[in-house]
Amino acid sequence: MKKLLIIAAAILLCIAAIPSKAAAQPSVSARNAVLMDMDSGRVLASKSAHERRPIASITKIMTALLAIESGRMKEKVKISEEAVMVEGSSLYLEKGETLTLEELVYGLMLRSGNDSAIAISQFIGGSTPEFVAMMNKKAKQIGMKNTVFMNPHGLDDPQHQSTAYDMALLTAKAMDNLEFEKIVGTASYKTKSRPLRVWENKHRLVREGGRITGGKTGFTKRSGRTLVTTAKQNGLHLVTVTLDAPDDWRDHQALFDNGFISYRLVNVVEKEPFKVPGEHDFFYAKKMVRYPLTEEEKKIAYVRIVLDQKKDKSENSAELWIGDEKQMEVPIYRSKKQETSFFEKVKGVLD
C-alpha cells in the first residue's frame, strides 16, 4: 500500500518524460514539425508531428547510428557493384575500391551518399535486407511507433515512412553517442584513403556553427524537403525535425529561437540524499533530474512524492505536475545518509 505526500512548490525537473499536451503549434512552412528537448523528451512545439510521411535521407541517421554502434569504424569496406549503381545523391565510389567504415559514415552524413548507405548496409548486416531488419528492430527499441524502414538511404518506397516525432526520438538517442555527435557536427571532412576526397556538409546551419550541433538534410520529389537539426544553448539540448518544408532553414531557426527564449531548465531532484517531511529515512534519485519550463509554468508546477509504506520495497517516486497534467515520474530510493533537507533544496531552487 502506498501513501501520497504532495510537495506543492513551484519547482521543476527533468528526466525521460511524457510530452506535455500544451505543446504549441508553430507557424512554419513545414507540413509536419516538432521541437523537442532531447534530454527530457518533452515536446516544446509541434505540428502534425505524428503523421506518417516519407522522410527521404534523414533515414540515414539510423544507418549511421547502427554503423557506429557496430564498433567496426576502423575496418575497411570493399565497395560493391550494387552500391555503385544505386541512384540519387552519391559519393561517386567505384566498384572494388576500399574505404574505412568511418569514412563511409562521414560521406553518408555530410554528403548523403546513397552508395555509402548501401555499402554500409552490406558490411554491417551481411546484406541490405538484413540491415533493414536491424533498422526496424532498433526503431522499435527506441519507441518509434509509427516508423517502417524499407532501405538504408531513404529513396522513395510506399512503405518507407516515419513521423517528425519519431525522427526526433531517434536523433535524441543518436546524439547520446559521442562519435555520432562529432560526425554530424562536422562542417567538412578529408578522407585518409586514396583517392583523396574532401566532403563539405550539405547542412547549411551546421556549416554556420554557433549553437547548432548537428543535423541531416533530405529531399525527394515525393517527400519534399526534410531536415533534422540539433542545437545547444543555456543548458538546453533541442532537436527540430521538419517534413515537407519549403522554407526549412528559416523554420528551424525560428523554432530554436522560440524554444531557447521561452524555456529554462530547473533542478528538482538530485543525486544527493534529501529529507521528506514525516520520514526518518532520506531519499535520493540515481541521477540529477531537470525539466524545461516556461516562466508561467513555474508558477503552477509542483512535485508529488509517492512513497511505499513497505520500507523493504523501492517503489517510491517523485512526480512532476504542471497544473493538472502529469509530466513525468522519477524513481527515488531510501538512504540512511543525512544530507540537505528536501525543503532546503526546494528553497534553493526558488530563491
Protein backbone atom coordinates (compact mmCIF):
# COMPACT_ATOMS: atom_id res chain seq x y z
CA MET A 1 0.00 0.00 0.00
CA LYS A 2 1.28 3.45 -0.88
CA LYS A 3 0.81 6.78 0.76
CA LEU A 4 0.83 10.09 -1.03
CA LEU A 5 2.78 13.13 0.01
CA ILE A 6 2.22 16.26 -2.03
CA ILE A 7 5.03 18.79 -2.06
CA ALA A 8 3.28 21.81 -3.51
CA ALA A 9 6.09 24.06 -4.63
CA ALA A 10 6.94 25.81 -7.85
CA ILE A 11 9.79 23.52 -8.73
CA LEU A 12 10.75 21.59 -11.79
CA LEU A 13 12.75 18.76 -13.00
CA CYS A 14 13.59 16.64 -15.95
CA ILE A 15 14.19 13.06 -16.93
CA ALA A 16 12.72 10.91 -19.71
CA ALA A 17 9.16 12.08 -19.69
CA ILE A 18 5.65 12.31 -21.03
CA PRO A 19 5.44 15.11 -23.62
CA SER A 20 3.24 17.98 -22.49
CA LYS A 21 -0.15 18.26 -24.16
CA ALA A 22 0.31 22.01 -24.10
CA ALA A 23 2.96 22.00 -26.86
CA ALA A 24 2.29 24.97 -29.11
CA GLN A 25 1.62 24.62 -32.85
CA PRO A 26 4.26 26.74 -34.55
CA SER A 27 3.76 28.93 -37.60
CA VAL A 28 6.11 27.22 -40.06
CA SER A 29 6.19 26.31 -43.74
CA ALA A 30 6.51 22.61 -42.89
CA ARG A 31 3.62 20.19 -43.22
CA ASN A 32 4.99 18.39 -40.14
CA ALA A 33 7.27 19.76 -37.42
CA VAL A 34 8.45 19.12 -33.90
CA LEU A 35 10.74 20.87 -31.43
CA MET A 36 11.86 18.52 -28.66
CA ASP A 37 14.10 18.78 -25.61
CA MET A 38 16.45 15.85 -26.18
CA ASP A 39 17.29 15.28 -22.51
CA SER A 40 13.74 15.01 -21.18
CA GLY A 41 11.83 14.10 -24.33
CA ARG A 42 9.43 16.99 -23.75
CA VAL A 43 7.80 18.33 -26.90
CA LEU A 44 8.00 22.13 -26.84
CA ALA A 45 6.23 22.77 -30.16
CA SER A 46 4.62 20.53 -32.76
CA LYS A 47 2.59 20.49 -35.94
CA SER A 48 1.08 17.18 -37.11
CA ALA A 49 4.13 15.56 -35.55
CA HIS A 50 2.66 12.02 -35.55
CA GLU A 51 1.54 11.95 -39.19
CA ARG A 52 3.35 9.23 -41.15
CA ARG A 53 5.22 10.64 -44.12
CA PRO A 54 8.10 9.79 -46.46
CA ILE A 55 11.32 11.07 -44.87
CA ALA A 56 13.99 10.85 -47.59
CA SER A 57 17.65 10.98 -46.50
CA ILE A 58 17.12 11.76 -42.82
CA THR A 59 16.70 7.95 -42.83
CA LYS A 60 20.50 7.88 -42.79
CA ILE A 61 20.55 8.92 -39.13
CA MET A 62 19.55 5.34 -38.30
CA THR A 63 22.03 3.91 -40.80
CA ALA A 64 24.87 5.92 -39.26
CA LEU A 65 23.89 5.05 -35.69
CA LEU A 66 23.92 1.31 -36.39
CA ALA A 67 27.27 1.60 -38.16
CA ILE A 68 28.82 3.45 -35.23
CA GLU A 69 27.33 1.08 -32.64
CA SER A 70 28.87 -1.89 -34.50
CA GLY A 71 32.29 -0.86 -33.16
CA ARG A 72 33.88 -1.52 -36.55
CA MET A 73 34.57 2.04 -37.68
CA LYS A 74 38.27 1.45 -38.43
CA GLU A 75 37.64 -1.63 -40.58
CA LYS A 76 37.91 -1.45 -44.37
CA VAL A 77 34.86 -1.85 -46.58
CA LYS A 78 35.02 -3.01 -50.19
CA ILE A 79 32.55 -1.24 -52.46
CA SER A 80 30.16 -3.49 -54.37
CA GLU A 81 28.57 -3.04 -57.78
CA GLU A 82 25.17 -2.71 -56.12
CA ALA A 83 26.44 0.24 -54.08
CA VAL A 84 27.89 1.95 -57.16
CA MET A 85 24.68 1.52 -59.17
CA VAL A 86 22.22 2.99 -56.64
CA GLU A 87 20.50 6.16 -57.87
CA GLY A 88 20.35 9.58 -56.26
CA SER A 89 22.96 11.51 -54.26
CA SER A 90 26.37 9.87 -54.41
CA LEU A 91 29.96 9.91 -53.20
CA TYR A 92 30.89 8.59 -56.68
CA LEU A 93 32.51 5.50 -55.24
CA GLU A 94 33.98 2.92 -57.62
CA LYS A 95 33.45 -0.82 -57.60
CA GLY A 96 36.26 -2.65 -55.79
CA GLU A 97 37.79 0.35 -54.00
CA THR A 98 38.05 0.29 -50.21
CA LEU A 99 37.32 2.91 -47.58
CA THR A 100 37.05 2.60 -43.83
CA LEU A 101 33.59 2.33 -42.34
CA GLU A 102 34.30 5.63 -40.57
CA GLU A 103 34.94 7.37 -43.90
CA LEU A 104 31.73 5.94 -45.34
CA VAL A 105 29.73 7.23 -42.37
CA TYR A 106 31.18 10.71 -42.80
CA GLY A 107 30.27 10.57 -46.50
CA LEU A 108 26.82 9.30 -45.58
CA MET A 109 26.05 12.12 -43.15
CA LEU A 110 27.87 15.05 -44.77
CA ARG A 111 27.19 14.35 -48.47
CA SER A 112 24.21 11.98 -48.12
CA GLY A 113 25.80 9.32 -50.30
CA ASN A 114 23.32 6.61 -51.24
CA ASP A 115 26.22 4.46 -52.46
CA SER A 116 27.71 4.77 -48.98
CA ALA A 117 24.40 3.71 -47.41
CA ILE A 118 24.31 0.50 -49.47
CA ALA A 119 27.98 -0.27 -48.75
CA ILE A 120 27.41 0.23 -45.01
CA SER A 121 24.28 -1.93 -45.01
CA GLN A 122 26.06 -4.80 -46.76
CA PHE A 123 29.08 -4.59 -44.47
CA ILE A 124 27.18 -4.38 -41.16
CA GLY A 125 24.14 -6.51 -41.97
CA GLY A 126 25.69 -9.01 -44.36
CA SER A 127 23.07 -7.87 -46.87
CA THR A 128 20.88 -4.83 -47.29
CA PRO A 129 17.63 -6.66 -46.32
CA GLU A 130 19.26 -7.95 -43.13
CA PHE A 131 20.47 -4.46 -42.28
CA VAL A 132 16.98 -3.03 -42.84
CA ALA A 133 15.68 -5.61 -40.35
CA MET A 134 18.25 -4.26 -37.87
CA MET A 135 16.99 -0.73 -38.52
CA ASN A 136 13.40 -1.69 -37.73
CA LYS A 137 14.42 -3.61 -34.63
CA LYS A 138 16.33 -0.58 -33.36
CA ALA A 139 13.38 1.71 -34.16
CA LYS A 140 11.13 -0.48 -32.01
CA GLN A 141 13.63 -0.38 -29.14
CA ILE A 142 13.75 3.43 -29.28
CA GLY A 143 9.95 3.70 -29.25
CA MET A 144 9.44 4.81 -32.86
CA LYS A 145 5.87 3.51 -33.07
CA ASN A 146 4.99 4.97 -36.46
CA THR A 147 8.14 4.12 -38.39
CA VAL A 148 8.87 1.49 -41.02
CA PHE A 149 12.24 1.41 -42.80
CA MET A 150 12.49 -0.31 -46.18
CA ASN A 151 16.02 0.76 -47.15
CA PRO A 152 19.12 2.38 -45.62
CA HIS A 153 19.10 5.57 -47.73
CA GLY A 154 15.55 6.92 -47.82
CA LEU A 155 14.78 6.70 -51.52
CA ASP A 156 11.04 6.58 -52.12
CA ASP A 157 9.18 3.40 -51.21
CA PRO A 158 5.45 3.46 -50.40
CA GLN A 159 6.05 1.64 -47.09
CA HIS A 160 9.14 3.60 -46.04
CA GLN A 161 7.68 6.16 -43.62
CA SER A 162 8.18 7.84 -40.28
CA THR A 163 6.99 10.92 -38.38
CA ALA A 164 8.58 14.14 -37.21
CA TYR A 165 8.16 12.94 -33.62
CA ASP A 166 9.75 9.52 -34.23
CA MET A 167 12.70 11.09 -36.02
CA ALA A 168 13.21 13.43 -33.07
CA LEU A 169 13.28 10.40 -30.75
CA LEU A 170 15.86 8.74 -33.00
CA THR A 171 18.01 11.86 -33.16
CA ALA A 172 17.95 12.29 -29.38
CA LYS A 173 19.10 8.69 -29.00
CA ALA A 174 21.80 9.08 -31.63
CA MET A 175 23.14 12.31 -30.10
CA ASP A 176 23.82 10.41 -26.88
CA ASN A 177 26.60 8.73 -28.85
CA LEU A 178 29.67 10.96 -28.79
CA GLU A 179 31.03 9.63 -32.08
CA PHE A 180 27.73 10.27 -33.84
CA GLU A 181 27.59 13.76 -32.34
CA LYS A 182 31.09 14.50 -33.61
CA ILE A 183 30.35 13.31 -37.14
CA VAL A 184 27.06 15.18 -37.65
CA GLY A 185 28.59 18.34 -36.21
CA THR A 186 31.47 18.31 -38.69
CA ALA A 187 31.48 21.07 -41.32
CA SER A 188 33.99 19.38 -43.66
CA TYR A 189 35.94 16.13 -43.73
CA LYS A 190 39.00 14.86 -45.63
CA THR A 191 39.45 11.14 -46.26
CA LYS A 192 42.69 9.34 -45.46
CA SER A 193 42.13 6.71 -48.13
CA ARG A 194 43.02 7.32 -51.76
CA PRO A 195 41.85 8.92 -53.91
CA LEU A 196 41.65 11.85 -51.53
CA ARG A 197 38.15 13.20 -51.08
CA VAL A 198 37.03 16.35 -49.27
CA TRP A 199 33.38 16.48 -48.23
CA GLU A 200 31.58 19.61 -47.13
CA ASN A 201 28.45 19.18 -45.01
CA LYS A 202 25.26 19.84 -47.01
CA HIS A 203 23.56 21.12 -43.86
CA ARG A 204 23.90 24.89 -44.08
CA LEU A 205 23.23 25.55 -40.40
CA VAL A 206 25.92 23.07 -39.34
CA ARG A 207 28.42 24.86 -41.55
CA GLU A 208 27.46 28.17 -39.95
CA GLY A 209 28.14 26.79 -36.46
CA GLY A 210 27.18 28.76 -33.35
CA ARG A 211 24.52 26.99 -31.30
CA ILE A 212 23.99 24.32 -33.98
CA THR A 213 25.49 20.96 -33.02
CA GLY A 214 24.44 18.66 -35.87
CA GLY A 215 21.83 17.64 -38.39
CA LYS A 216 20.86 15.89 -41.61
CA THR A 217 19.24 17.03 -44.84
CA GLY A 218 16.87 15.12 -47.10
CA PHE A 219 14.86 15.50 -50.29
CA THR A 220 12.89 13.51 -52.84
CA LYS A 221 10.07 14.73 -55.06
CA ARG A 222 7.63 12.65 -53.04
CA SER A 223 8.81 13.71 -49.57
CA GLY A 224 9.71 17.32 -50.27
CA ARG A 225 12.45 18.88 -48.16
CA THR A 226 13.12 17.07 -44.88
CA LEU A 227 15.50 18.37 -42.26
CA VAL A 228 16.82 17.48 -38.81
CA THR A 229 18.85 19.97 -36.76
CA THR A 230 20.16 19.90 -33.19
CA ALA A 231 21.24 22.89 -31.11
CA LYS A 232 22.52 23.69 -27.63
CA GLN A 233 22.09 26.90 -25.62
CA ASN A 234 21.60 27.79 -21.94
CA GLY A 235 21.96 24.13 -20.96
CA LEU A 236 19.10 23.08 -23.23
CA HIS A 237 19.73 20.45 -25.94
CA LEU A 238 17.00 20.75 -28.56
CA VAL A 239 16.18 18.94 -31.81
CA THR A 240 13.96 20.22 -34.60
CA VAL A 241 12.54 17.97 -37.32
CA THR A 242 10.55 19.23 -40.30
CA LEU A 243 8.96 17.23 -43.13
CA ASP A 244 7.85 18.69 -46.46
CA ALA A 245 9.10 22.16 -45.56
CA PRO A 246 9.74 24.61 -48.44
CA ASP A 247 11.42 27.10 -46.09
CA ASP A 248 13.07 24.67 -43.70
CA TRP A 249 16.18 26.70 -42.79
CA ARG A 250 14.02 29.56 -41.56
CA ASP A 251 11.60 27.15 -39.86
CA HIS A 252 14.41 25.64 -37.81
CA GLN A 253 15.95 28.90 -36.72
CA ALA A 254 12.53 30.25 -35.70
CA LEU A 255 11.70 27.13 -33.70
CA PHE A 256 15.04 27.24 -31.91
CA ASP A 257 14.66 30.95 -31.19
CA ASN A 258 11.29 30.31 -29.57
CA GLY A 259 12.48 27.31 -27.58
CA PHE A 260 15.60 28.91 -26.17
CA ILE A 261 13.79 32.13 -25.28
CA SER A 262 10.73 30.52 -23.71
CA TYR A 263 12.19 27.62 -21.70
CA ARG A 264 14.67 27.26 -18.84
CA LEU A 265 15.90 24.16 -17.03
CA VAL A 266 15.28 23.82 -13.30
CA ASN A 267 16.65 21.14 -10.97
CA VAL A 268 14.06 19.28 -8.90
CA VAL A 269 15.65 16.02 -7.75
CA GLU A 270 19.36 15.48 -7.36
CA LYS A 271 21.61 12.52 -6.60
CA GLU A 272 22.39 13.81 -3.10
CA PRO A 273 20.03 12.42 -0.41
CA PHE A 274 17.20 14.72 0.69
CA LYS A 275 14.68 14.62 3.54
CA VAL A 276 10.94 14.21 3.06
CA PRO A 277 8.67 15.58 5.85
CA GLY A 278 7.36 12.84 8.15
CA GLU A 279 10.01 10.32 7.09
CA HIS A 280 13.07 9.26 9.11
CA ASP A 281 14.92 7.98 6.07
CA PHE A 282 16.49 10.13 3.42
CA PHE A 283 15.75 9.75 -0.31
CA TYR A 284 17.75 10.18 -3.50
CA ALA A 285 17.46 9.81 -7.28
CA LYS A 286 20.04 7.89 -9.29
CA LYS A 287 20.79 11.00 -11.32
CA MET A 288 20.00 14.67 -11.22
CA VAL A 289 16.60 15.36 -12.73
CA ARG A 290 15.91 18.55 -14.70
CA TYR A 291 12.98 19.73 -16.77
CA PRO A 292 12.37 22.65 -19.17
CA LEU A 293 9.58 25.02 -18.13
CA THR A 294 8.33 28.43 -19.12
CA GLU A 295 8.05 31.22 -16.56
CA GLU A 296 4.26 30.78 -16.47
CA GLU A 297 4.57 27.03 -15.91
CA LYS A 298 6.87 27.60 -12.96
CA LYS A 299 4.02 29.30 -11.14
CA ILE A 300 1.79 26.20 -11.23
CA ALA A 301 4.38 23.38 -11.18
CA TYR A 302 4.72 21.08 -8.18
CA VAL A 303 6.28 17.76 -7.25
CA ARG A 304 4.22 14.97 -5.76
CA ILE A 305 6.09 12.36 -3.70
CA VAL A 306 4.60 8.86 -3.67
CA LEU A 307 6.08 6.52 -1.03
CA ASP A 308 5.58 2.81 -0.48
CA GLN A 309 4.82 2.06 3.17
CA LYS A 310 6.75 -1.20 2.94
CA LYS A 311 10.27 0.02 3.53
CA ASP A 312 11.84 -3.08 2.03
CA LYS A 313 10.30 -2.03 -1.28
CA SER A 314 11.74 0.56 -3.66
CA GLU A 315 8.50 1.64 -5.34
CA ASN A 316 8.87 5.31 -4.45
CA SER A 317 8.64 8.11 -6.94
CA ALA A 318 8.68 11.85 -7.48
CA GLU A 319 6.10 13.08 -9.99
CA LEU A 320 6.23 16.41 -11.75
CA TRP A 321 2.87 18.09 -12.37
CA ILE A 322 2.09 21.31 -14.20
CA GLY A 323 -1.38 22.22 -13.05
CA ASP A 324 -3.49 19.09 -13.55
CA GLU A 325 -1.14 17.49 -16.10
CA LYS A 326 1.42 14.93 -15.02
CA GLN A 327 4.65 15.47 -16.93
CA MET A 328 6.91 12.68 -15.71
CA GLU A 329 7.75 10.26 -12.93
CA VAL A 330 11.18 9.56 -11.43
CA PRO A 331 12.04 6.60 -9.16
CA ILE A 332 13.52 7.67 -5.81
CA TYR A 333 15.24 5.46 -3.26
CA ARG A 334 15.67 5.36 0.51
CA SER A 335 19.02 6.22 2.08
CA LYS A 336 20.34 6.40 5.65
CA LYS A 337 22.81 9.14 4.70
CA GLN A 338 21.98 12.54 6.13
CA GLU A 339 22.08 15.45 3.75
CA THR A 340 20.30 18.71 2.99
CA SER A 341 16.56 18.56 3.56
CA PHE A 342 14.19 18.42 0.61
CA PHE A 343 12.64 21.77 1.51
CA GLU A 344 16.08 23.39 1.73
CA LYS A 345 16.80 22.13 -1.79
CA VAL A 346 13.45 23.46 -2.97
CA LYS A 347 14.14 26.81 -1.35
CA GLY A 348 17.49 26.93 -3.12
CA VAL A 349 15.79 26.41 -6.46
CA LEU A 350 13.15 29.04 -5.83
CA ASP A 351 15.45 31.73 -4.44
